[in-house]
Amino acid sequence: MSRPIVAVRLRALGDLVLSSAAFRSLAAGHPGSPLHVVAESRFAPLLEEQPEIARVWPVERTIRSTLAATWALRALRPDVAVDFFGNSRSAVIARGSGAKRVWGFDLRGRRAFYHDTVPRVQHPGGDRREYAAASSLRLARAAGGAETDVRPRLTLSERARREGEQCLASADVRDPAHTIGLVPAGSWPSKTWPLSHAALLSRRLLESGFGVLAIGGPGEEGMLARLASLALGVRTLRAPHVRALAGAIAPLRGLVGTDSGPRHIAVAFDVPTYTWFGPAHPEAWTPDDPRHAWWRTSLPCRACERTVCPHWNCLPALSAEEASERVLAHLERHGRPSADLRTAAGA
């Protein structure tokens, strides 16, 4: 067996999912070389059973954990290391692995750690953006990866399926095929949709015969509870880790809401999505696929990439009434008609 290939993608959840195409590319382009992936511990369960990955090295955000992982990788004497994250810690891990060739994005303050670099983005120009998964795939291809589909894909392991079923049962979701996942919050305060909007959309979905499952991350439990109190009938998901989260999302009818890690997981399992955008650009985070539609603010400051905004009027301007019409129309086009769903719900 050849020496291993190392891929470093520490966080965040959505970006890790978007890197799945790059992982497949590296594994296919280096046959016989096991692919080792370094990720933060809370995200490792999602990757541990992906068939193209030989081993996941979980790390914490500590110097001790970073150095331990780096020395363990160095003992493997890897051929190639690829840093898909591009911060100081990931650059140290990639270079410290002792790989003969280290690849990364051409970022100021990082490029000195790599033997070879590629541009971080290659936007088509104007108000166009390169899909984030395509950026990672370009880096993988430069490092010897094979040509592959750019869309993120995950393999649902039997363990993930069972854990997801347990989470859905705990949330009292009895028919996931007729249930819509709703993500009201965002990883940035500026990406969060108003709770009142999410409640109105939830009521419309419930009235149309769908179940609604509110999905959030750590620290968002209070928001999900308030949503459930504003829209009676909404269920809330509590997943102990990201593998169970993936198992719970995979069988859903669709997923709507803010741009988020759960939304990228849905894309990876071919679950239809509908997403609203304000500070982020939709083309950067959405595959070219009609099953994954979006609605963005018309404000001139859109796609500002600000994590906190003193005005915060782009997402609130996307009304719950119009969002409901758009979401229901999208679900009509990409699945069973709502009338059929209402009939099934009443059967």
Protein backbone atom coordinates (compact mmCIF):
# COMPACT_ATOMS: atom_id res chain seq x y z
CA MET A 1 0.00 0.00 0.00
CA SER A 2 1.23 3.50 -0.85
CA ARG A 3 1.80 6.19 1.72
CA PRO A 4 -1.34 7.94 2.96
CA ILE A 5 -2.88 11.17 1.77
CA VAL A 6 -3.84 13.71 4.45
CA ALA A 7 -6.76 16.16 4.13
CA VAL A 8 -7.23 18.87 6.77
CA ARG A 9 -10.72 20.37 7.12
CA LEU A 10 -11.23 21.34 10.74
CA ARG A 11 -14.64 23.06 10.68
CA ALA A 12 -17.45 24.18 10.16
CA LEU A 13 -20.21 21.63 9.58
CA GLY A 14 -21.48 22.99 6.26
CA ASP A 15 -17.98 23.51 4.87
CA LEU A 16 -17.01 20.01 5.95
CA VAL A 17 -19.94 18.57 4.02
CA LEU A 18 -19.06 20.71 1.00
CA SER A 19 -15.55 19.20 1.09
CA SER A 20 -16.92 15.70 0.51
CA ALA A 21 -16.45 16.05 -3.26
CA ALA A 22 -12.81 16.99 -2.69
CA PHE A 23 -12.32 13.96 -0.44
CA ARG A 24 -13.74 11.68 -3.13
CA SER A 25 -11.46 13.31 -5.67
CA LEU A 26 -8.34 12.74 -3.57
CA ALA A 27 -9.24 9.13 -2.81
CA ALA A 28 -9.93 8.33 -6.48
CA GLY A 29 -6.85 10.17 -7.73
CA HIS A 30 -4.49 8.36 -5.36
CA PRO A 31 -5.58 4.71 -5.59
CA GLY A 32 -3.88 2.53 -3.02
CA SER A 33 -3.13 5.52 -0.77
CA PRO A 34 -5.47 5.61 2.24
CA LEU A 35 -7.11 8.98 2.82
CA HIS A 36 -6.76 10.36 6.36
CA VAL A 37 -8.91 13.36 7.31
CA VAL A 38 -8.26 15.73 10.22
CA ALA A 39 -11.41 17.37 11.64
CA GLU A 40 -12.53 18.82 14.94
CA SER A 41 -13.85 16.16 17.29
CA ARG A 42 -17.49 17.28 17.22
CA PHE A 43 -17.60 16.78 13.42
CA ALA A 44 -15.60 13.54 13.25
CA PRO A 45 -18.62 11.17 13.64
CA LEU A 46 -20.04 12.43 10.34
CA LEU A 47 -16.93 11.32 8.45
CA GLU A 48 -15.94 8.15 10.25
CA GLU A 49 -18.08 5.83 8.13
CA GLN A 50 -17.62 7.49 4.73
CA PRO A 51 -16.23 4.79 2.39
CA GLU A 52 -13.52 6.94 0.78
CA ILE A 53 -11.98 7.88 4.14
CA ALA A 54 -9.63 5.37 5.76
CA ARG A 55 -9.33 7.18 9.09
CA VAL A 56 -10.52 10.38 10.78
CA TRP A 57 -8.20 12.13 13.20
CA PRO A 58 -10.31 14.15 15.68
CA VAL A 59 -8.67 17.22 17.20
CA GLU A 60 -9.67 19.78 19.80
CA ARG A 61 -8.91 23.50 19.73
CA THR A 62 -5.91 23.13 22.01
CA ILE A 63 -2.17 23.22 21.41
CA ARG A 64 -1.76 19.78 22.98
CA SER A 65 -4.35 18.15 20.72
CA THR A 66 -3.01 19.90 17.62
CA LEU A 67 0.57 18.81 18.29
CA ALA A 68 -0.51 15.24 19.14
CA ALA A 69 -2.38 14.89 15.84
CA THR A 70 0.51 16.43 13.91
CA TRP A 71 3.07 14.03 15.37
CA ALA A 72 0.77 11.04 14.80
CA LEU A 73 0.39 12.01 11.14
CA ARG A 74 4.14 12.55 10.81
CA ALA A 75 4.71 8.94 11.85
CA LEU A 76 2.63 7.84 8.84
CA ARG A 77 5.05 9.59 6.44
CA PRO A 78 2.28 10.81 4.08
CA ASP A 79 2.93 11.55 0.43
CA VAL A 80 0.57 14.51 0.13
CA ALA A 81 -1.20 16.79 2.61
CA VAL A 82 -3.95 19.20 1.56
CA ASP A 83 -5.20 22.02 3.77
CA PHE A 84 -8.81 22.78 2.80
CA PHE A 85 -9.37 25.08 5.79
CA GLY A 86 -6.57 27.61 5.65
CA ASN A 87 -6.17 28.97 9.16
CA SER A 88 -2.95 28.94 11.19
CA ARG A 89 -3.72 25.68 12.99
CA SER A 90 -4.69 23.75 9.87
CA ALA A 91 -1.61 25.04 8.05
CA VAL A 92 0.63 23.87 10.91
CA ILE A 93 -0.99 20.42 10.87
CA ALA A 94 -0.62 20.06 7.10
CA ARG A 95 3.02 21.16 7.01
CA GLY A 96 3.88 19.45 10.28
CA SER A 97 2.64 16.12 8.93
CA GLY A 98 5.92 15.87 7.03
CA ALA A 99 4.20 15.19 3.72
CA LYS A 100 6.45 15.39 0.68
CA ARG A 101 4.06 17.86 -0.98
CA VAL A 102 1.76 20.18 0.93
CA TRP A 103 -1.06 21.99 -0.86
CA GLY A 104 -3.26 24.85 0.27
CA PHE A 105 -5.06 27.98 -0.81
CA ASP A 106 -3.01 31.05 -1.70
CA LEU A 107 -3.80 33.04 1.44
CA ARG A 108 -1.70 35.78 2.95
CA GLY A 109 0.08 34.53 6.04
CA ARG A 110 -0.54 30.87 5.08
CA ARG A 111 1.12 30.34 1.71
CA ALA A 112 4.56 29.98 3.33
CA PHE A 113 3.39 26.70 4.91
CA TYR A 114 2.64 25.08 1.54
CA HIS A 115 4.78 23.81 -1.31
CA ASP A 116 2.01 24.55 -3.83
CA THR A 117 -1.05 26.79 -3.80
CA VAL A 118 -4.17 27.56 -5.82
CA PRO A 119 -6.42 30.68 -5.62
CA ARG A 120 -9.08 30.46 -2.91
CA VAL A 121 -11.87 31.49 -5.28
CA GLN A 122 -12.31 31.91 -9.01
CA HIS A 123 -15.46 33.97 -9.36
CA PRO A 124 -16.93 34.23 -12.88
CA GLY A 125 -17.19 38.00 -12.47
CA GLY A 126 -19.80 40.62 -11.68
CA ASP A 127 -22.35 39.40 -9.16
CA ARG A 128 -21.45 35.76 -9.81
CA ARG A 129 -19.75 33.47 -7.30
CA GLU A 130 -17.95 30.13 -7.45
CA TYR A 131 -19.67 27.34 -5.53
CA ALA A 132 -17.67 26.66 -2.36
CA ALA A 133 -17.53 22.93 -3.10
CA ALA A 134 -15.96 23.75 -6.48
CA SER A 135 -13.21 25.74 -4.75
CA SER A 136 -12.25 22.75 -2.60
CA LEU A 137 -12.49 20.43 -5.59
CA ARG A 138 -10.08 22.64 -7.57
CA LEU A 139 -7.55 22.31 -4.76
CA ALA A 140 -8.02 18.54 -4.62
CA ARG A 141 -7.59 18.22 -8.39
CA ALA A 142 -4.38 20.28 -8.26
CA ALA A 143 -3.07 17.89 -5.60
CA GLY A 144 -3.58 14.90 -7.89
CA GLY A 145 -7.26 14.23 -7.30
CA ALA A 146 -9.53 12.72 -9.93
CA GLU A 147 -12.32 14.51 -11.78
CA THR A 148 -15.60 14.00 -9.93
CA ASP A 149 -19.05 15.48 -9.46
CA VAL A 150 -18.84 18.76 -7.54
CA ARG A 151 -21.99 18.19 -5.52
CA PRO A 152 -21.52 17.13 -1.88
CA ARG A 153 -22.54 13.56 -1.18
CA LEU A 154 -22.61 11.53 2.00
CA THR A 155 -23.14 7.81 2.49
CA LEU A 156 -25.75 7.02 5.14
CA SER A 157 -24.33 4.25 7.30
CA GLU A 158 -26.58 1.78 9.07
CA ARG A 159 -25.54 3.24 12.42
CA ALA A 160 -26.39 6.78 11.29
CA ARG A 161 -29.77 5.59 9.99
CA ARG A 162 -30.60 3.92 13.33
CA GLU A 163 -29.47 6.92 15.36
CA GLY A 164 -31.48 9.23 13.10
CA GLU A 165 -34.59 7.08 13.53
CA GLN A 166 -34.16 7.26 17.31
CA CYS A 167 -33.90 11.07 17.18
CA LEU A 168 -37.01 11.33 15.01
CA ALA A 169 -38.93 8.99 17.30
CA SER A 170 -37.89 11.08 20.33
CA ALA A 171 -39.21 14.17 18.52
CA ASP A 172 -42.49 12.33 17.83
CA VAL A 173 -41.92 12.49 14.06
CA ARG A 174 -43.89 9.51 12.82
CA ASP A 175 -43.74 10.12 9.07
CA PRO A 176 -40.45 11.74 8.00
CA ALA A 177 -41.39 11.41 4.32
CA HIS A 178 -44.10 14.02 4.96
CA THR A 179 -42.06 16.18 7.32
CA ILE A 180 -40.19 19.39 6.48
CA GLY A 181 -37.07 20.32 8.40
CA LEU A 182 -36.97 24.03 9.30
CA VAL A 183 -33.76 25.81 10.27
CA PRO A 184 -34.70 29.24 11.69
CA ALA A 185 -31.30 30.30 13.04
CA GLY A 186 -27.99 30.91 11.32
CA SER A 187 -24.37 30.46 12.32
CA TRP A 188 -24.13 34.29 12.21
CA PRO A 189 -26.63 36.60 13.92
CA SER A 190 -27.06 38.38 10.57
CA LYS A 191 -28.12 35.10 8.89
CA THR A 192 -30.91 34.37 11.36
CA TRP A 193 -34.52 34.71 10.20
CA PRO A 194 -36.93 36.42 12.67
CA LEU A 195 -38.66 33.90 14.90
CA SER A 196 -42.07 35.39 14.09
CA HIS A 197 -41.43 34.69 10.39
CA ALA A 198 -40.44 31.09 11.13
CA ALA A 199 -43.59 30.61 13.21
CA LEU A 200 -45.87 31.87 10.41
CA LEU A 201 -44.15 29.64 7.84
CA SER A 202 -44.49 26.68 10.21
CA ARG A 203 -48.23 27.26 10.53
CA ARG A 204 -48.64 27.39 6.75
CA LEU A 205 -46.72 24.16 6.32
CA LEU A 206 -48.76 22.45 9.02
CA GLU A 207 -52.00 23.67 7.45
CA SER A 208 -50.82 22.25 4.10
CA GLY A 209 -50.49 18.75 5.55
CA PHE A 210 -46.77 18.66 6.28
CA GLY A 211 -45.13 17.88 9.56
CA VAL A 212 -42.56 20.47 10.68
CA LEU A 213 -39.33 19.58 12.47
CA ALA A 214 -37.36 22.52 13.90
CA ILE A 215 -33.60 21.96 13.67
CA GLY A 216 -30.93 23.93 15.48
CA GLY A 217 -27.43 23.69 16.83
CA PRO A 218 -25.92 23.85 20.31
CA GLY A 219 -27.18 26.88 22.21
CA GLU A 220 -30.29 27.25 20.05
CA GLU A 221 -32.56 25.04 22.15
CA GLY A 222 -34.38 28.03 23.63
CA MET A 223 -35.17 29.43 20.19
CA LEU A 224 -36.56 26.08 19.03
CA ALA A 225 -38.72 25.83 22.15
CA ARG A 226 -40.13 29.32 21.55
CA LEU A 227 -40.87 28.41 17.93
CA ALA A 228 -42.75 25.30 19.06
CA SER A 229 -44.80 27.43 21.48
CA LEU A 230 -45.70 29.91 18.70
CA ALA A 231 -46.67 27.23 16.18
CA LEU A 232 -48.37 24.33 17.90
CA GLY A 233 -47.56 21.04 16.22
CA VAL A 234 -43.92 21.87 15.45
CA ARG A 235 -41.52 19.18 16.65
CA THR A 236 -37.96 19.92 17.73
CA LEU A 237 -34.95 17.78 16.95
CA ARG A 238 -32.36 16.94 19.57
CA ALA A 239 -29.40 15.12 18.03
CA PRO A 240 -26.50 14.04 20.29
CA HIS A 241 -23.94 14.44 17.49
CA VAL A 242 -23.64 15.18 13.79
CA ARG A 243 -23.93 11.56 12.66
CA ALA A 244 -27.34 11.28 14.30
CA LEU A 245 -28.25 14.68 12.84
CA ALA A 246 -27.43 13.39 9.36
CA GLY A 247 -29.45 10.24 9.97
CA ALA A 248 -32.46 12.33 11.00
CA ILE A 249 -32.26 14.69 8.01
CA ALA A 250 -31.73 12.05 5.30
CA PRO A 251 -35.35 10.68 5.25
CA LEU A 252 -37.11 14.08 5.42
CA ARG A 253 -39.40 15.36 2.66
CA GLY A 254 -37.48 18.63 2.42
CA LEU A 255 -35.52 21.20 4.40
CA VAL A 256 -36.06 24.96 4.38
CA GLY A 257 -34.66 27.96 6.22
CA THR A 258 -31.33 29.70 6.58
CA ASP A 259 -28.03 28.73 4.99
CA SER A 260 -26.66 26.26 7.52
CA GLY A 261 -24.84 23.00 8.16
CA PRO A 262 -28.09 20.99 8.26
CA ARG A 263 -29.04 22.48 4.88
CA HIS A 264 -25.76 21.23 3.33
CA ILE A 265 -26.35 17.80 4.88
CA ALA A 266 -29.76 17.77 3.19
CA VAL A 267 -28.15 18.57 -0.16
CA ALA A 268 -25.68 15.72 0.35
CA PHE A 269 -28.62 13.29 0.76
CA ASP A 270 -30.63 14.70 -2.18
CA VAL A 271 -33.27 16.14 0.14
CA PRO A 272 -34.88 19.16 -1.64
CA THR A 273 -34.06 22.51 -0.01
CA TYR A 274 -35.25 26.09 -0.11
CA THR A 275 -33.03 28.73 1.49
CA TRP A 276 -33.09 32.49 2.16
CA PHE A 277 -29.98 34.60 1.83
CA GLY A 278 -28.96 38.05 3.04
CA PRO A 279 -25.28 38.58 3.97
CA ALA A 280 -24.10 35.46 2.09
CA HIS A 281 -24.18 34.98 -1.67
CA PRO A 282 -26.51 32.13 -2.76
CA GLU A 283 -24.33 30.97 -5.66
CA ALA A 284 -21.39 30.42 -3.31
CA TRP A 285 -23.40 28.02 -1.18
CA THR A 286 -25.90 26.36 -3.55
CA PRO A 287 -25.34 23.66 -6.19
CA ASP A 288 -26.62 24.19 -9.72
CA ASP A 289 -29.65 21.95 -9.21
CA PRO A 290 -33.35 22.95 -9.39
CA ARG A 291 -34.11 20.87 -6.30
CA HIS A 292 -32.14 23.40 -4.25
CA ALA A 293 -33.69 26.84 -4.70
CA TRP A 294 -33.20 30.12 -2.90
CA TRP A 295 -34.59 33.57 -2.29
CA ARG A 296 -32.34 36.54 -1.55
CA THR A 297 -32.87 40.07 -0.34
CA SER A 298 -33.03 42.86 -2.91
CA LEU A 299 -31.13 45.33 -0.73
CA PRO A 300 -28.00 46.78 -2.36
CA CYS A 301 -25.83 45.72 0.60
CA ARG A 302 -26.67 42.02 0.13
CA ALA A 303 -23.80 39.50 0.15
CA CYS A 304 -21.86 41.80 2.49
CA GLU A 305 -20.51 38.77 4.44
CA ARG A 306 -20.94 40.66 7.72
CA THR A 307 -21.52 38.33 10.66
CA VAL A 308 -23.13 41.10 12.73
CA CYS A 309 -25.14 43.97 11.27
CA PRO A 310 -26.32 47.10 13.14
CA HIS A 311 -29.32 47.38 10.80
CA TRP A 312 -30.24 43.68 10.27
CA ASN A 313 -32.99 44.36 7.77
CA CYS A 314 -32.11 42.00 4.91
CA LEU A 315 -33.49 38.76 6.38
CA PRO A 316 -36.51 40.38 8.09
CA ALA A 317 -37.44 41.89 4.71
CA LEU A 318 -38.03 38.37 3.35
CA SER A 319 -41.61 38.06 4.53
CA ALA A 320 -43.07 34.89 5.97
CA GLU A 321 -46.10 35.16 3.66
CA GLU A 322 -44.05 35.19 0.47
CA ALA A 323 -41.63 32.61 1.87
CA SER A 324 -44.60 30.29 2.47
CA GLU A 325 -45.80 30.64 -1.12
CA ARG A 326 -42.31 30.07 -2.50
CA VAL A 327 -41.64 27.04 -0.30
CA LEU A 328 -44.96 25.36 -1.06
CA ALA A 329 -44.51 25.96 -4.80
CA HIS A 330 -41.01 24.50 -4.62
CA LEU A 331 -42.26 21.41 -2.81
CA GLU A 332 -44.99 21.01 -5.43
CA ARG A 333 -42.40 20.94 -8.21
CA HIS A 334 -39.96 18.64 -6.49
CA GLY A 335 -42.02 15.94 -4.90
CA ARG A 336 -45.56 14.76 -4.29
CA PRO A 337 -48.24 17.48 -4.67
CA SER A 338 -49.42 19.12 -1.48
CA ALA A 339 -52.97 17.84 -2.14
CA ASP A 340 -51.70 14.26 -2.08
CA LEU A 341 -49.83 15.00 1.13
CA ARG A 342 -52.95 16.42 2.77
CA THR A 343 -54.88 13.31 1.77
CA ALA A 344 -52.17 11.07 3.19
CA ALA A 345 -51.99 13.09 6.40
CA GLY A 346 -55.73 12.70 6.91
CA ALA A 347 -55.80 9.00 6.08
